[in-house]
């Protein structure tokens, strides 16, 4: 059975940079949640990422809303591996001349194994958000059922969209390639 990992950025990398919410060419904040919906996007205009505080550029970084921003080396790795479950959206990163992209995962899979997670809580009518009743409110110690991943190599779990999950072969390739900023937790 395949193993999967949550891909996060290394918050403890010494002197690391921090990417803020993306803005358009006029400086207006973009809706960050559009990058968690698992759908192909047609960006209008240039997307820019402010960097505050400035620091060491990481080839994999999550912005302040968990949007994955990657260096062109990550795109090249995905292309070599034949991974087509993502869209790479070109972006400008403040102070950077090299190519950067939003990694937009195009698959969302119902794969969280509630019984094996440390804790799961759902929205209830008492939470006052009727549109979310029955959806995850919190997932701690996430575990997934690999049998429900359909062989995917990169995806988001249904109901817990801020998590980006990757297959073991992709994890190992990112590590072998020496992609900076990655941090993995088995799920």
C-alpha atoms as a PDB file:
ATOM      1  CA  UNK A   1       0.000   0.000   0.000  1.00  0.00           C
ATOM      2  CA  UNK A   2       1.327   3.447  -0.901  1.00  0.00           C
ATOM      3  CA  UNK A   3       2.371   5.944   1.723  1.00  0.00           C
ATOM      4  CA  UNK A   4       1.401   9.623   1.651  1.00  0.00           C
ATOM      5  CA  UNK A   5       2.722  12.757   3.283  1.00  0.00           C
ATOM      6  CA  UNK A   6       1.486  16.235   4.048  1.00  0.00           C
ATOM      7  CA  UNK A   7       3.827  18.682   2.334  1.00  0.00           C
ATOM      8  CA  UNK A   8       4.426  21.792   4.415  1.00  0.00           C
ATOM      9  CA  UNK A   9       7.108  24.412   4.315  1.00  0.00           C
ATOM     10  CA  UNK A  10       9.984  24.459   6.772  1.00  0.00           C
ATOM     11  CA  UNK A  11       9.035  27.175   9.259  1.00  0.00           C
ATOM     12  CA  UNK A  12      12.325  26.690  11.082  1.00  0.00           C
ATOM     13  CA  UNK A  13      14.670  27.294   8.147  1.00  0.00           C
ATOM     14  CA  UNK A  14      17.161  29.900   9.431  1.00  0.00           C
ATOM     15  CA  UNK A  15      16.570  33.375   8.002  1.00  0.00           C
ATOM     16  CA  UNK A  16      13.732  32.221   5.746  1.00  0.00           C
ATOM     17  CA  UNK A  17      11.540  34.599   3.806  1.00  0.00           C
ATOM     18  CA  UNK A  18       7.774  34.945   4.329  1.00  0.00           C
ATOM     19  CA  UNK A  19       5.385  35.364   1.407  1.00  0.00           C
ATOM     20  CA  UNK A  20       2.269  37.425   2.003  1.00  0.00           C
ATOM     21  CA  UNK A  21      -1.169  37.245   0.362  1.00  0.00           C
ATOM     22  CA  UNK A  22      -0.994  37.472  -3.452  1.00  0.00           C
ATOM     23  CA  UNK A  23      -2.016  40.736  -5.119  1.00  0.00           C
ATOM     24  CA  UNK A  24      -2.838  41.704  -8.681  1.00  0.00           C
ATOM     25  CA  UNK A  25      -0.866  44.204 -10.770  1.00  0.00           C
ATOM     26  CA  UNK A  26      -2.798  47.050  -9.071  1.00  0.00           C
ATOM     27  CA  UNK A  27      -1.900  45.887  -5.558  1.00  0.00           C
ATOM     28  CA  UNK A  28      -5.381  44.530  -4.786  1.00  0.00           C
ATOM     29  CA  UNK A  29      -5.437  41.355  -2.696  1.00  0.00           C
ATOM     30  CA  UNK A  30      -6.601  38.247  -4.534  1.00  0.00           C
ATOM     31  CA  UNK A  31      -8.941  35.636  -3.105  1.00  0.00           C
ATOM     32  CA  UNK A  32      -6.424  33.099  -1.712  1.00  0.00           C
ATOM     33  CA  UNK A  33      -9.040  30.353  -1.347  1.00  0.00           C
ATOM     34  CA  UNK A  34      -9.336  29.989  -5.133  1.00  0.00           C
ATOM     35  CA  UNK A  35      -6.026  28.101  -5.034  1.00  0.00           C
ATOM     36  CA  UNK A  36      -7.479  25.388  -2.745  1.00  0.00           C
ATOM     37  CA  UNK A  37     -10.575  24.493  -4.796  1.00  0.00           C
ATOM     38  CA  UNK A  38      -8.978  21.854  -7.027  1.00  0.00           C
ATOM     39  CA  UNK A  39      -9.959  23.490 -10.307  1.00  0.00           C
ATOM     40  CA  UNK A  40      -8.105  24.902 -13.299  1.00  0.00           C
ATOM     41  CA  UNK A  41      -7.793  28.684 -13.056  1.00  0.00           C
ATOM     42  CA  UNK A  42      -7.471  31.280 -15.802  1.00  0.00           C
ATOM     43  CA  UNK A  43      -5.593  34.092 -14.048  1.00  0.00           C
ATOM     44  CA  UNK A  44      -6.371  37.601 -15.200  1.00  0.00           C
ATOM     45  CA  UNK A  45      -3.217  39.710 -15.234  1.00  0.00           C
ATOM     46  CA  UNK A  46      -0.045  39.402 -13.197  1.00  0.00           C
ATOM     47  CA  UNK A  47      -0.063  37.799  -9.749  1.00  0.00           C
ATOM     48  CA  UNK A  48       2.492  39.198  -7.329  1.00  0.00           C
ATOM     49  CA  UNK A  49       3.678  38.033  -3.929  1.00  0.00           C
ATOM     50  CA  UNK A  50       5.002  40.581  -1.439  1.00  0.00           C
ATOM     51  CA  UNK A  51       7.816  39.284   0.769  1.00  0.00           C
ATOM     52  CA  UNK A  52       7.849  40.387   4.429  1.00  0.00           C
ATOM     53  CA  UNK A  53      10.162  39.905   6.106  1.00  0.00           C
ATOM     54  CA  UNK A  54      12.716  39.381   3.404  1.00  0.00           C
ATOM     55  CA  UNK A  55      15.105  36.495   3.825  1.00  0.00           C
ATOM     56  CA  UNK A  56      16.335  33.267   2.317  1.00  0.00           C
ATOM     57  CA  UNK A  57      14.222  32.273  -0.704  1.00  0.00           C
ATOM     58  CA  UNK A  58      12.864  28.734  -0.368  1.00  0.00           C
ATOM     59  CA  UNK A  59      12.023  26.694  -3.461  1.00  0.00           C
ATOM     60  CA  UNK A  60       8.827  25.515  -1.761  1.00  0.00           C
ATOM     61  CA  UNK A  61       6.942  28.005   0.376  1.00  0.00           C
ATOM     62  CA  UNK A  62       3.410  28.381   1.667  1.00  0.00           C
ATOM     63  CA  UNK A  63       2.170  31.956   1.710  1.00  0.00           C
ATOM     64  CA  UNK A  64       0.159  33.397   4.607  1.00  0.00           C
ATOM     65  CA  UNK A  65      -2.963  31.502   3.379  1.00  0.00           C
ATOM     66  CA  UNK A  66      -1.150  28.189   2.642  1.00  0.00           C
ATOM     67  CA  UNK A  67      -0.899  28.787  -1.114  1.00  0.00           C
ATOM     68  CA  UNK A  68       2.086  26.747  -2.361  1.00  0.00           C
ATOM     69  CA  UNK A  69       4.622  28.870  -4.263  1.00  0.00           C
ATOM     70  CA  UNK A  70       7.424  26.992  -5.993  1.00  0.00           C
ATOM     71  CA  UNK A  71      10.589  27.728  -7.926  1.00  0.00           C
ATOM     72  CA  UNK A  72      10.936  26.698 -11.572  1.00  0.00           C
ATOM     73  CA  UNK A  73      13.075  23.718 -10.461  1.00  0.00           C
ATOM     74  CA  UNK A  74       9.965  22.173  -8.886  1.00  0.00           C
ATOM     75  CA  UNK A  75       8.055  22.603 -12.152  1.00  0.00           C
ATOM     76  CA  UNK A  76      10.886  20.880 -14.032  1.00  0.00           C
ATOM     77  CA  UNK A  77      10.846  17.976 -11.542  1.00  0.00           C
ATOM     78  CA  UNK A  78       7.081  17.491 -11.933  1.00  0.00           C
ATOM     79  CA  UNK A  79       7.476  17.551 -15.724  1.00  0.00           C
ATOM     80  CA  UNK A  80      10.241  14.915 -15.617  1.00  0.00           C
ATOM     81  CA  UNK A  81       8.044  12.731 -13.406  1.00  0.00           C
ATOM     82  CA  UNK A  82       5.045  13.169 -15.719  1.00  0.00           C
ATOM     83  CA  UNK A  83       2.837  14.579 -12.955  1.00  0.00           C
ATOM     84  CA  UNK A  84      -0.174  16.253 -14.555  1.00  0.00           C
ATOM     85  CA  UNK A  85      -2.428  16.636 -11.497  1.00  0.00           C
ATOM     86  CA  UNK A  86      -1.372  20.241 -11.004  1.00  0.00           C
ATOM     87  CA  UNK A  87      -1.441  23.610 -12.710  1.00  0.00           C
ATOM     88  CA  UNK A  88       1.587  25.888 -12.414  1.00  0.00           C
ATOM     89  CA  UNK A  89       0.516  29.543 -12.486  1.00  0.00           C
ATOM     90  CA  UNK A  90       3.370  31.981 -13.182  1.00  0.00           C
ATOM     91  CA  UNK A  91       3.823  34.672 -10.515  1.00  0.00           C
ATOM     92  CA  UNK A  92       6.163  37.517  -9.690  1.00  0.00           C
ATOM     93  CA  UNK A  93       7.810  37.308  -6.291  1.00  0.00           C
ATOM     94  CA  UNK A  94       9.073  40.598  -4.891  1.00  0.00           C
ATOM     95  CA  UNK A  95      12.839  40.912  -5.300  1.00  0.00           C
ATOM     96  CA  UNK A  96      13.199  37.732  -7.399  1.00  0.00           C
ATOM     97  CA  UNK A  97      14.162  37.519 -11.084  1.00  0.00           C
ATOM     98  CA  UNK A  98      13.931  33.718 -11.361  1.00  0.00           C
ATOM     99  CA  UNK A  99      10.713  31.893 -12.380  1.00  0.00           C
ATOM    100  CA  UNK A 100       8.153  31.274  -9.607  1.00  0.00           C
ATOM    101  CA  UNK A 101       4.752  29.595  -9.747  1.00  0.00           C
ATOM    102  CA  UNK A 102       1.682  28.829  -7.674  1.00  0.00           C
ATOM    103  CA  UNK A 103       1.288  25.061  -7.429  1.00  0.00           C
ATOM    104  CA  UNK A 104      -2.460  24.606  -7.930  1.00  0.00           C
ATOM    105  CA  UNK A 105      -3.420  21.008  -7.045  1.00  0.00           C
ATOM    106  CA  UNK A 106      -6.245  19.922  -9.359  1.00  0.00           C
ATOM    107  CA  UNK A 107      -7.471  16.902  -7.404  1.00  0.00           C
ATOM    108  CA  UNK A 108      -9.514  16.791  -4.216  1.00  0.00           C
ATOM    109  CA  UNK A 109     -10.121  13.323  -2.818  1.00  0.00           C
ATOM    110  CA  UNK A 110     -12.332  12.009  -0.005  1.00  0.00           C
ATOM    111  CA  UNK A 111      -9.597  10.104   1.740  1.00  0.00           C
ATOM    112  CA  UNK A 112      -9.407  11.211   5.393  1.00  0.00           C
ATOM    113  CA  UNK A 113      -9.744   8.206   7.686  1.00  0.00           C
ATOM    114  CA  UNK A 114     -11.645   9.748  10.602  1.00  0.00           C
ATOM    115  CA  UNK A 115     -11.230   6.702  12.854  1.00  0.00           C
ATOM    116  CA  UNK A 116      -7.420   6.816  12.611  1.00  0.00           C
ATOM    117  CA  UNK A 117      -7.023  10.601  13.060  1.00  0.00           C
ATOM    118  CA  UNK A 118      -6.085  11.934  16.493  1.00  0.00           C
ATOM    119  CA  UNK A 119      -9.202  14.145  16.398  1.00  0.00           C
ATOM    120  CA  UNK A 120     -11.848  15.212  13.919  1.00  0.00           C
ATOM    121  CA  UNK A 121     -14.617  17.684  14.586  1.00  0.00           C
ATOM    122  CA  UNK A 122     -17.416  18.714  12.263  1.00  0.00           C
ATOM    123  CA  UNK A 123     -19.402  21.895  11.909  1.00  0.00           C
ATOM    124  CA  UNK A 124     -22.797  21.591  13.601  1.00  0.00           C
ATOM    125  CA  UNK A 125     -25.892  23.800  13.401  1.00  0.00           C
ATOM    126  CA  UNK A 126     -24.798  25.357  16.720  1.00  0.00           C
ATOM    127  CA  UNK A 127     -21.708  26.803  14.997  1.00  0.00           C
ATOM    128  CA  UNK A 128     -23.949  29.286  13.150  1.00  0.00           C
ATOM    129  CA  UNK A 129     -22.600  28.444   9.680  1.00  0.00           C
ATOM    130  CA  UNK A 130     -25.370  26.379   8.069  1.00  0.00           C
ATOM    131  CA  UNK A 131     -23.503  26.127   4.758  1.00  0.00           C
ATOM    132  CA  UNK A 132     -20.705  24.190   6.514  1.00  0.00           C
ATOM    133  CA  UNK A 133     -22.733  21.734   8.608  1.00  0.00           C
ATOM    134  CA  UNK A 134     -21.230  18.260   8.192  1.00  0.00           C
ATOM    135  CA  UNK A 135     -17.870  19.538   6.925  1.00  0.00           C
ATOM    136  CA  UNK A 136     -14.632  19.279   8.884  1.00  0.00           C
ATOM    137  CA  UNK A 137     -14.108  21.976  11.480  1.00  0.00           C
ATOM    138  CA  UNK A 138     -10.824  20.534  12.733  1.00  0.00           C
ATOM    139  CA  UNK A 139      -8.557  17.637  11.830  1.00  0.00           C
ATOM    140  CA  UNK A 140      -5.619  16.857  14.122  1.00  0.00           C
ATOM    141  CA  UNK A 141      -3.157  14.066  13.513  1.00  0.00           C
ATOM    142  CA  UNK A 142      -4.590  13.463  10.056  1.00  0.00           C
ATOM    143  CA  UNK A 143      -4.526   9.954   8.670  1.00  0.00           C
ATOM    144  CA  UNK A 144      -5.810   8.996   5.255  1.00  0.00           C
ATOM    145  CA  UNK A 145      -6.951   5.774   3.645  1.00  0.00           C
ATOM    146  CA  UNK A 146      -4.463   5.146   0.805  1.00  0.00           C
ATOM    147  CA  UNK A 147      -7.037   2.909  -0.911  1.00  0.00           C
ATOM    148  CA  UNK A 148      -9.136   6.038  -1.542  1.00  0.00           C
ATOM    149  CA  UNK A 149      -6.357   8.078  -3.201  1.00  0.00           C
ATOM    150  CA  UNK A 150      -6.890   6.638  -6.698  1.00  0.00           C
ATOM    151  CA  UNK A 151      -3.105   6.485  -7.156  1.00  0.00           C
ATOM    152  CA  UNK A 152      -2.830  10.278  -7.035  1.00  0.00           C
ATOM    153  CA  UNK A 153       0.615  11.784  -6.510  1.00  0.00           C
ATOM    154  CA  UNK A 154      -0.432  15.282  -5.383  1.00  0.00           C
ATOM    155  CA  UNK A 155      -3.857  16.337  -4.098  1.00  0.00           C
ATOM    156  CA  UNK A 156      -5.839  17.977  -1.327  1.00  0.00           C
ATOM    157  CA  UNK A 157      -8.068  15.977   1.011  1.00  0.00           C
ATOM    158  CA  UNK A 158     -11.761  16.772   0.736  1.00  0.00           C
ATOM    159  CA  UNK A 159     -12.937  18.941   3.609  1.00  0.00           C
ATOM    160  CA  UNK A 160      -9.460  19.923   4.814  1.00  0.00           C
ATOM    161  CA  UNK A 161      -8.344  21.937   1.816  1.00  0.00           C
ATOM    162  CA  UNK A 162      -5.332  23.702   3.312  1.00  0.00           C
ATOM    163  CA  UNK A 163      -3.442  20.398   3.398  1.00  0.00           C
ATOM    164  CA  UNK A 164      -1.387  19.432   0.360  1.00  0.00           C
ATOM    165  CA  UNK A 165      -0.670  15.698   0.194  1.00  0.00           C
ATOM    166  CA  UNK A 166       1.964  13.937  -1.898  1.00  0.00           C
ATOM    167  CA  UNK A 167       2.863  10.337  -2.680  1.00  0.00           C
ATOM    168  CA  UNK A 168       5.987   8.719  -1.299  1.00  0.00           C
ATOM    169  CA  UNK A 169       7.714   8.696  -4.707  1.00  0.00           C
ATOM    170  CA  UNK A 170       7.137  12.438  -5.105  1.00  0.00           C
ATOM    171  CA  UNK A 171       8.390  13.082  -1.555  1.00  0.00           C
ATOM    172  CA  UNK A 172      11.554  11.104  -2.264  1.00  0.00           C
ATOM    173  CA  UNK A 173      12.115  12.924  -5.569  1.00  0.00           C
ATOM    174  CA  UNK A 174      11.745  16.345  -3.915  1.00  0.00           C
ATOM    175  CA  UNK A 175      14.283  15.271  -1.284  1.00  0.00           C
ATOM    176  CA  UNK A 176      16.736  13.820  -3.841  1.00  0.00           C
ATOM    177  CA  UNK A 177      16.473  16.995  -5.917  1.00  0.00           C
ATOM    178  CA  UNK A 178      17.354  19.026  -2.804  1.00  0.00           C
ATOM    179  CA  UNK A 179      14.300  21.289  -3.074  1.00  0.00           C
ATOM    180  CA  UNK A 180      14.608  23.774  -0.220  1.00  0.00           C
ATOM    181  CA  UNK A 181      11.769  24.556   2.171  1.00  0.00           C
ATOM    182  CA  UNK A 182      10.017  21.176   2.164  1.00  0.00           C
ATOM    183  CA  UNK A 183       8.849  19.461   5.332  1.00  0.00           C
ATOM    184  CA  UNK A 184       6.892  16.184   5.343  1.00  0.00           C
ATOM    185  CA  UNK A 185       4.568  14.504   7.811  1.00  0.00           C
ATOM    186  CA  UNK A 186       3.276  11.021   7.072  1.00  0.00           C
ATOM    187  CA  UNK A 187      -0.503  10.829   6.908  1.00  0.00           C
END
